[in-house]
Structure formats: structure tokens, C-alpha cells
Amino acid sequence: ELKQALNSVELQALGILLDGADFKSFADSQGVMVEVLADGINEKAMDAIGDGLMDEEFVLYEDYIEEVRKLVEE
């Protein structure tokens, strides 16, 4: 359900987070504010699984790293 809710930029952003790359630079390259991108991902996750995927520092919660990896790799 979550994978269908996320758009391609949001899925790429999750991949960036998994790789430890610069999330803000990625957001900038997509022409979106980093907070808007993170909030969009977390809102969709909240609707789908009842929880956000990352904290205010744009770090994935450890509990969801494996699930996010599966989402990005599918």
C-alpha cells in the first residue's frame, strides 16, 4: 500500500536516505524543499502503516530500515 502511495521522487529519496547520501541536495535537485519532501513521505507512511519513517533530522527510524530497503528494491 505504501509503495503505491509514494511517487518516484519519494521512492528515490528513500533510497538516498538508505545510502547515507545528502537528502537535502537530492531535494534541491528535484526542486522541492527538503521539509516538504520529508513531510510528504511521512504523511503517506502514517496513512499506510500508522507511523512516520524518518525523524526531524531526516534520518530513517531504525525499526523501518529493512522495510524501506524492500520498498526501494522492489
PDB file of N, CA and C in Angstrom:
ATOM      1  N   GLU A   1       0.831  -1.205   0.000  1.00  0.00           N
ATOM      2  CA  GLU A   1       0.000   0.000   0.000  1.00  0.00           C
ATOM      3  C   GLU A   1       0.870   1.262   0.000  1.00  0.00           C
ATOM      4  N   LEU A   2       1.903   1.271   0.818  1.00  0.00           N
ATOM      5  CA  LEU A   2       2.762   2.457   0.889  1.00  0.00           C
ATOM      6  C   LEU A   2       3.486   2.691  -0.427  1.00  0.00           C
ATOM      7  N   LYS A   3       3.964   1.621  -1.045  1.00  0.00           N
ATOM      8  CA  LYS A   3       4.705   1.786  -2.300  1.00  0.00           C
ATOM      9  C   LYS A   3       3.841   2.455  -3.368  1.00  0.00           C
ATOM     10  N   GLN A   4       2.547   2.095  -3.435  1.00  0.00           N
ATOM     11  CA  GLN A   4       1.664   2.720  -4.417  1.00  0.00           C
ATOM     12  C   GLN A   4       1.409   4.187  -4.099  1.00  0.00           C
ATOM     13  N   ALA A   5       1.442   4.545  -2.819  1.00  0.00           N
ATOM     14  CA  ALA A   5       1.180   5.924  -2.407  1.00  0.00           C
ATOM     15  C   ALA A   5       2.353   6.852  -2.720  1.00  0.00           C
ATOM     16  N   LEU A   6       3.554   6.309  -2.702  1.00  0.00           N
ATOM     17  CA  LEU A   6       4.756   7.125  -2.917  1.00  0.00           C
ATOM     18  C   LEU A   6       4.989   7.363  -4.410  1.00  0.00           C
ATOM     19  N   ASN A   7       5.381   8.583  -4.741  1.00  0.00           N
ATOM     20  CA  ASN A   7       5.734   8.859  -6.134  1.00  0.00           C
ATOM     21  C   ASN A   7       7.212   8.517  -6.360  1.00  0.00           C
ATOM     22  N   SER A   8       7.667   8.629  -7.591  1.00  0.00           N
ATOM     23  CA  SER A   8       9.031   8.195  -7.914  1.00  0.00           C
ATOM     24  C   SER A   8      10.090   9.022  -7.188  1.00  0.00           C
ATOM     25  N   VAL A   9       9.851  10.309  -7.017  1.00  0.00           N
ATOM     26  CA  VAL A   9      10.812  11.159  -6.309  1.00  0.00           C
ATOM     27  C   VAL A   9      10.904  10.730  -4.843  1.00  0.00           C
ATOM     28  N   GLU A  10       9.769  10.422  -4.240  1.00  0.00           N
ATOM     29  CA  GLU A  10       9.765   9.990  -2.838  1.00  0.00           C
ATOM     30  C   GLU A  10      10.483   8.653  -2.672  1.00  0.00           C
ATOM     31  N   LEU A  11      10.271   7.737  -3.606  1.00  0.00           N
ATOM     32  CA  LEU A  11      10.989   6.457  -3.553  1.00  0.00           C
ATOM     33  C   LEU A  11      12.500   6.664  -3.723  1.00  0.00           C
ATOM     34  N   GLN A  12      12.880   7.543  -4.648  1.00  0.00           N
ATOM     35  CA  GLN A  12      14.302   7.849  -4.825  1.00  0.00           C
ATOM     36  C   GLN A  12      14.871   8.464  -3.552  1.00  0.00           C
ATOM     37  N   ALA A  13      14.091   9.323  -2.906  1.00  0.00           N
ATOM     38  CA  ALA A  13      14.534   9.974  -1.675  1.00  0.00           C
ATOM     39  C   ALA A  13      14.795   8.945  -0.580  1.00  0.00           C
ATOM     40  N   LEU A  14      13.948   7.934  -0.486  1.00  0.00           N
ATOM     41  CA  LEU A  14      14.166   6.879   0.497  1.00  0.00           C
ATOM     42  C   LEU A  14      15.449   6.116   0.188  1.00  0.00           C
ATOM     43  N   GLY A  15      15.719   5.903  -1.085  1.00  0.00           N
ATOM     44  CA  GLY A  15      16.976   5.268  -1.481  1.00  0.00           C
ATOM     45  C   GLY A  15      18.182   6.106  -1.086  1.00  0.00           C
ATOM     46  N   ILE A  16      18.059   7.413  -1.244  1.00  0.00           N
ATOM     47  CA  ILE A  16      19.126   8.349  -0.841  1.00  0.00           C
ATOM     48  C   ILE A  16      19.385   8.214   0.657  1.00  0.00           C
ATOM     49  N   LEU A  17      18.304   8.168   1.440  1.00  0.00           N
ATOM     50  CA  LEU A  17      18.450   8.023   2.891  1.00  0.00           C
ATOM     51  C   LEU A  17      19.133   6.703   3.248  1.00  0.00           C
ATOM     52  N   LEU A  18      18.742   5.631   2.573  1.00  0.00           N
ATOM     53  CA  LEU A  18      19.360   4.327   2.836  1.00  0.00           C
ATOM     54  C   LEU A  18      20.857   4.338   2.527  1.00  0.00           C
ATOM     55  N   ASP A  19      21.219   5.045   1.462  1.00  0.00           N
ATOM     56  CA  ASP A  19      22.620   5.095   1.039  1.00  0.00           C
ATOM     57  C   ASP A  19      23.453   6.053   1.875  1.00  0.00           C
ATOM     58  N   GLY A  20      22.787   6.850   2.720  1.00  0.00           N
ATOM     59  CA  GLY A  20      23.510   7.824   3.526  1.00  0.00           C
ATOM     60  C   GLY A  20      23.970   9.025   2.726  1.00  0.00           C
ATOM     61  N   ALA A  21      23.360   9.219   1.556  1.00  0.00           N
ATOM     62  CA  ALA A  21      23.720  10.360   0.712  1.00  0.00           C
ATOM     63  C   ALA A  21      23.026  11.628   1.226  1.00  0.00           C
ATOM     64  N   ASP A  22      23.285  12.733   0.577  1.00  0.00           N
ATOM     65  CA  ASP A  22      22.786  14.033   1.030  1.00  0.00           C
ATOM     66  C   ASP A  22      21.324  14.226   0.627  1.00  0.00           C
ATOM     67  N   PHE A  23      20.442  14.061   1.581  1.00  0.00           N
ATOM     68  CA  PHE A  23      18.999  14.173   1.356  1.00  0.00           C
ATOM     69  C   PHE A  23      18.612  15.579   0.915  1.00  0.00           C
ATOM     70  N   LYS A  24      19.204  16.594   1.541  1.00  0.00           N
ATOM     71  CA  LYS A  24      18.878  17.972   1.194  1.00  0.00           C
ATOM     72  C   LYS A  24      19.291  18.290  -0.247  1.00  0.00           C
ATOM     73  N   SER A  25      20.467  17.852  -0.634  1.00  0.00           N
ATOM     74  CA  SER A  25      20.922  18.092  -2.013  1.00  0.00           C
ATOM     75  C   SER A  25      19.995  17.415  -3.011  1.00  0.00           C
ATOM     76  N   PHE A  26      19.552  16.196  -2.681  1.00  0.00           N
ATOM     77  CA  PHE A  26      18.626  15.496  -3.567  1.00  0.00           C
ATOM     78  C   PHE A  26      17.326  16.284  -3.691  1.00  0.00           C
ATOM     79  N   ALA A  27      16.779  16.724  -2.553  1.00  0.00           N
ATOM     80  CA  ALA A  27      15.533  17.504  -2.581  1.00  0.00           C
ATOM     81  C   ALA A  27      15.716  18.760  -3.428  1.00  0.00           C
ATOM     82  N   ASP A  28      16.834  19.460  -3.225  1.00  0.00           N
ATOM     83  CA  ASP A  28      17.116  20.670  -4.004  1.00  0.00           C
ATOM     84  C   ASP A  28      17.170  20.356  -5.499  1.00  0.00           C
ATOM     85  N   SER A  29      17.792  19.238  -5.852  1.00  0.00           N
ATOM     86  CA  SER A  29      17.920  18.875  -7.267  1.00  0.00           C
ATOM     87  C   SER A  29      16.563  18.561  -7.899  1.00  0.00           C
ATOM     88  N   GLN A  30      15.598  18.190  -7.045  1.00  0.00           N
ATOM     89  CA  GLN A  30      14.247  17.893  -7.537  1.00  0.00           C
ATOM     90  C   GLN A  30      13.338  19.116  -7.492  1.00  0.00           C
ATOM     91  N   GLY A  31      13.872  20.236  -7.007  1.00  0.00           N
ATOM     92  CA  GLY A  31      13.101  21.475  -6.952  1.00  0.00           C
ATOM     93  C   GLY A  31      12.042  21.471  -5.859  1.00  0.00           C
ATOM     94  N   VAL A  32      12.305  20.756  -4.777  1.00  0.00           N
ATOM     95  CA  VAL A  32      11.349  20.686  -3.673  1.00  0.00           C
ATOM     96  C   VAL A  32      12.087  20.960  -2.365  1.00  0.00           C
ATOM     97  N   MET A  33      11.411  21.645  -1.454  1.00  0.00           N
ATOM     98  CA  MET A  33      12.014  21.894  -0.149  1.00  0.00           C
ATOM     99  C   MET A  33      12.161  20.570   0.595  1.00  0.00           C
ATOM    100  N   VAL A  34      13.271  20.423   1.296  1.00  0.00           N
ATOM    101  CA  VAL A  34      13.567  19.170   1.983  1.00  0.00           C
ATOM    102  C   VAL A  34      12.475  18.822   2.997  1.00  0.00           C
ATOM    103  N   GLU A  35      11.956  19.825   3.695  1.00  0.00           N
ATOM    104  CA  GLU A  35      10.900  19.572   4.684  1.00  0.00           C
ATOM    105  C   GLU A  35       9.622  19.085   4.014  1.00  0.00           C
ATOM    106  N   VAL A  36       9.311  19.642   2.868  1.00  0.00           N
ATOM    107  CA  VAL A  36       8.101  19.251   2.138  1.00  0.00           C
ATOM    108  C   VAL A  36       8.224  17.801   1.671  1.00  0.00           C
ATOM    109  N   LEU A  37       9.385  17.439   1.154  1.00  0.00           N
ATOM    110  CA  LEU A  37       9.620  16.063   0.698  1.00  0.00           C
ATOM    111  C   LEU A  37       9.503  15.085   1.875  1.00  0.00           C
ATOM    112  N   ALA A  38      10.176  15.400   2.979  1.00  0.00           N
ATOM    113  CA  ALA A  38      10.139  14.521   4.151  1.00  0.00           C
ATOM    114  C   ALA A  38       8.729  14.415   4.719  1.00  0.00           C
ATOM    115  N   ASP A  39       8.034  15.541   4.819  1.00  0.00           N
ATOM    116  CA  ASP A  39       6.670  15.527   5.356  1.00  0.00           C
ATOM    117  C   ASP A  39       5.737  14.703   4.476  1.00  0.00           C
ATOM    118  N   GLY A  40       5.896  14.822   3.160  1.00  0.00           N
ATOM    119  CA  GLY A  40       5.063  14.051   2.245  1.00  0.00           C
ATOM    120  C   GLY A  40       5.260  12.551   2.426  1.00  0.00           C
ATOM    121  N   ILE A  41       6.519  12.147   2.561  1.00  0.00           N
ATOM    122  CA  ILE A  41       6.817  10.729   2.774  1.00  0.00           C
ATOM    123  C   ILE A  41       6.222  10.268   4.105  1.00  0.00           C
ATOM    124  N   ASN A  42       6.455  11.044   5.154  1.00  0.00           N
ATOM    125  CA  ASN A  42       5.964  10.650   6.473  1.00  0.00           C
ATOM    126  C   ASN A  42       4.440  10.621   6.541  1.00  0.00           C
ATOM    127  N   GLU A  43       3.776  11.568   5.871  1.00  0.00           N
ATOM    128  CA  GLU A  43       2.306  11.575   5.864  1.00  0.00           C
ATOM    129  C   GLU A  43       1.751  10.332   5.170  1.00  0.00           C
ATOM    130  N   LYS A  44       2.345   9.971   4.044  1.00  0.00           N
ATOM    131  CA  LYS A  44       1.889   8.776   3.335  1.00  0.00           C
ATOM    132  C   LYS A  44       2.165   7.518   4.154  1.00  0.00           C
ATOM    133  N   ALA A  45       3.312   7.477   4.834  1.00  0.00           N
ATOM    134  CA  ALA A  45       3.623   6.348   5.702  1.00  0.00           C
ATOM    135  C   ALA A  45       2.633   6.280   6.861  1.00  0.00           C
ATOM    136  N   MET A  46       2.276   7.438   7.411  1.00  0.00           N
ATOM    137  CA  MET A  46       1.325   7.481   8.516  1.00  0.00           C
ATOM    138  C   MET A  46      -0.022   6.897   8.074  1.00  0.00           C
ATOM    139  N   ASP A  47      -0.454   7.266   6.874  1.00  0.00           N
ATOM    140  CA  ASP A  47      -1.716   6.738   6.345  1.00  0.00           C
ATOM    141  C   ASP A  47      -1.641   5.234   6.117  1.00  0.00           C
ATOM    142  N   ALA A  48      -0.494   4.751   5.628  1.00  0.00           N
ATOM    143  CA  ALA A  48      -0.365   3.343   5.244  1.00  0.00           C
ATOM    144  C   ALA A  48      -0.019   2.426   6.419  1.00  0.00           C
ATOM    145  N   ILE A  49       0.886   2.882   7.287  1.00  0.00           N
ATOM    146  CA  ILE A  49       1.353   1.981   8.356  1.00  0.00           C
ATOM    147  C   ILE A  49       1.151   2.542   9.757  1.00  0.00           C
ATOM    148  N   GLY A  50       0.639   3.760   9.834  1.00  0.00           N
ATOM    149  CA  GLY A  50       0.354   4.346  11.135  1.00  0.00           C
ATOM    150  C   GLY A  50       1.546   4.966  11.833  1.00  0.00           C
ATOM    151  N   ASP A  51       2.628   5.209  11.089  1.00  0.00           N
ATOM    152  CA  ASP A  51       3.819   5.804  11.681  1.00  0.00           C
ATOM    153  C   ASP A  51       4.639   6.476  10.584  1.00  0.00           C
ATOM    154  N   GLY A  52       5.450   7.453  10.969  1.00  0.00           N
ATOM    155  CA  GLY A  52       6.372   8.082  10.037  1.00  0.00           C
ATOM    156  C   GLY A  52       7.601   7.209   9.851  1.00  0.00           C
ATOM    157  N   LEU A  53       8.365   7.466   8.799  1.00  0.00           N
ATOM    158  CA  LEU A  53       9.563   6.676   8.509  1.00  0.00           C
ATOM    159  C   LEU A  53      10.851   7.349   8.948  1.00  0.00           C
ATOM    160  N   MET A  54      10.821   8.686   9.147  1.00  0.00           N
ATOM    161  CA  MET A  54      12.053   9.400   9.496  1.00  0.00           C
ATOM    162  C   MET A  54      11.781  10.465  10.541  1.00  0.00           C
ATOM    163  N   ASP A  55      12.851  10.856  11.216  1.00  0.00           N
ATOM    164  CA  ASP A  55      12.740  11.876  12.252  1.00  0.00           C
ATOM    165  C   ASP A  55      12.939  13.276  11.672  1.00  0.00           C
ATOM    166  N   GLU A  56      12.984  14.277  12.557  1.00  0.00           N
ATOM    167  CA  GLU A  56      13.103  15.677  12.124  1.00  0.00           C
ATOM    168  C   GLU A  56      14.459  15.981  11.487  1.00  0.00           C
ATOM    169  N   GLU A  57      15.432  15.109  11.723  1.00  0.00           N
ATOM    170  CA  GLU A  57      16.768  15.290  11.143  1.00  0.00           C
ATOM    171  C   GLU A  57      16.905  14.548   9.817  1.00  0.00           C
ATOM    172  N   PHE A  58      15.801  14.021   9.306  1.00  0.00           N
ATOM    173  CA  PHE A  58      15.771  13.274   8.042  1.00  0.00           C
ATOM    174  C   PHE A  58      16.602  11.990   8.125  1.00  0.00           C
ATOM    175  N   VAL A  59      16.484  11.306   9.248  1.00  0.00           N
ATOM    176  CA  VAL A  59      17.140  10.019   9.464  1.00  0.00           C
ATOM    177  C   VAL A  59      16.046   8.972   9.594  1.00  0.00           C
ATOM    178  N   LEU A  60      16.200   7.876   8.853  1.00  0.00           N
ATOM    179  CA  LEU A  60      15.215   6.797   8.931  1.00  0.00           C
ATOM    180  C   LEU A  60      15.216   6.183  10.320  1.00  0.00           C
ATOM    181  N   TYR A  61      14.025   5.903  10.820  1.00  0.00           N
ATOM    182  CA  TYR A  61      13.929   5.184  12.084  1.00  0.00           C
ATOM    183  C   TYR A  61      14.470   3.776  11.871  1.00  0.00           C
ATOM    184  N   GLU A  62      15.282   3.330  12.811  1.00  0.00           N
ATOM    185  CA  GLU A  62      15.929   2.024  12.679  1.00  0.00           C
ATOM    186  C   GLU A  62      14.919   0.894  12.478  1.00  0.00           C
ATOM    187  N   ASP A  63      13.757   1.013  13.124  1.00  0.00           N
ATOM    188  CA  ASP A  63      12.728  -0.029  13.021  1.00  0.00           C
ATOM    189  C   ASP A  63      12.237  -0.244  11.590  1.00  0.00           C
ATOM    190  N   TYR A  64      12.389   0.763  10.731  1.00  0.00           N
ATOM    191  CA  TYR A  64      11.827   0.688   9.375  1.00  0.00           C
ATOM    192  C   TYR A  64      12.869   0.546   8.274  1.00  0.00           C
ATOM    193  N   ILE A  65      14.126   0.469   8.623  1.00  0.00           N
ATOM    194  CA  ILE A  65      15.171   0.426   7.592  1.00  0.00           C
ATOM    195  C   ILE A  65      14.995  -0.764   6.647  1.00  0.00           C
ATOM    196  N   GLU A  66      14.751  -1.947   7.183  1.00  0.00           N
ATOM    197  CA  GLU A  66      14.599  -3.123   6.316  1.00  0.00           C
ATOM    198  C   GLU A  66      13.362  -3.016   5.432  1.00  0.00           C
ATOM    199  N   GLU A  67      12.265  -2.521   5.991  1.00  0.00           N
ATOM    200  CA  GLU A  67      11.038  -2.356   5.194  1.00  0.00           C
ATOM    201  C   GLU A  67      11.254  -1.342   4.072  1.00  0.00           C
ATOM    202  N   VAL A  68      11.958  -0.260   4.387  1.00  0.00           N
ATOM    203  CA  VAL A  68      12.243   0.759   3.367  1.00  0.00           C
ATOM    204  C   VAL A  68      13.144   0.171   2.299  1.00  0.00           C
ATOM    205  N   ARG A  69      14.133  -0.608   2.699  1.00  0.00           N
ATOM    206  CA  ARG A  69      15.027  -1.246   1.724  1.00  0.00           C
ATOM    207  C   ARG A  69      14.215  -2.105   0.741  1.00  0.00           C
ATOM    208  N   LYS A  70      13.256  -2.861   1.275  1.00  0.00           N
ATOM    209  CA  LYS A  70      12.402  -3.695   0.409  1.00  0.00           C
ATOM    210  C   LYS A  70      11.570  -2.838  -0.537  1.00  0.00           C
ATOM    211  N   LEU A  71      11.042  -1.724  -0.049  1.00  0.00           N
ATOM    212  CA  LEU A  71      10.245  -0.821  -0.896  1.00  0.00           C
ATOM    213  C   LEU A  71      11.078  -0.300  -2.062  1.00  0.00           C
ATOM    214  N   VAL A  72      12.283   0.128  -1.756  1.00  0.00           N
ATOM    215  CA  VAL A  72      13.137   0.757  -2.764  1.00  0.00           C
ATOM    216  C   VAL A  72      13.651  -0.263  -3.771  1.00  0.00           C
ATOM    217  N   GLU A  73      13.912  -1.487  -3.323  1.00  0.00           N
ATOM    218  CA  GLU A  73      14.495  -2.504  -4.200  1.00  0.00           C
ATOM    219  C   GLU A  73      13.482  -3.222  -5.064  1.00  0.00           C
ATOM    220  N   GLU A  74      12.200  -3.136  -4.717  1.00  0.00           N
ATOM    221  CA  GLU A  74      11.177  -3.861  -5.493  1.00  0.00           C
ATOM    222  C   GLU A  74      11.033  -3.295  -6.886  1.00  0.00           C
TER     223      GLU A  74
END
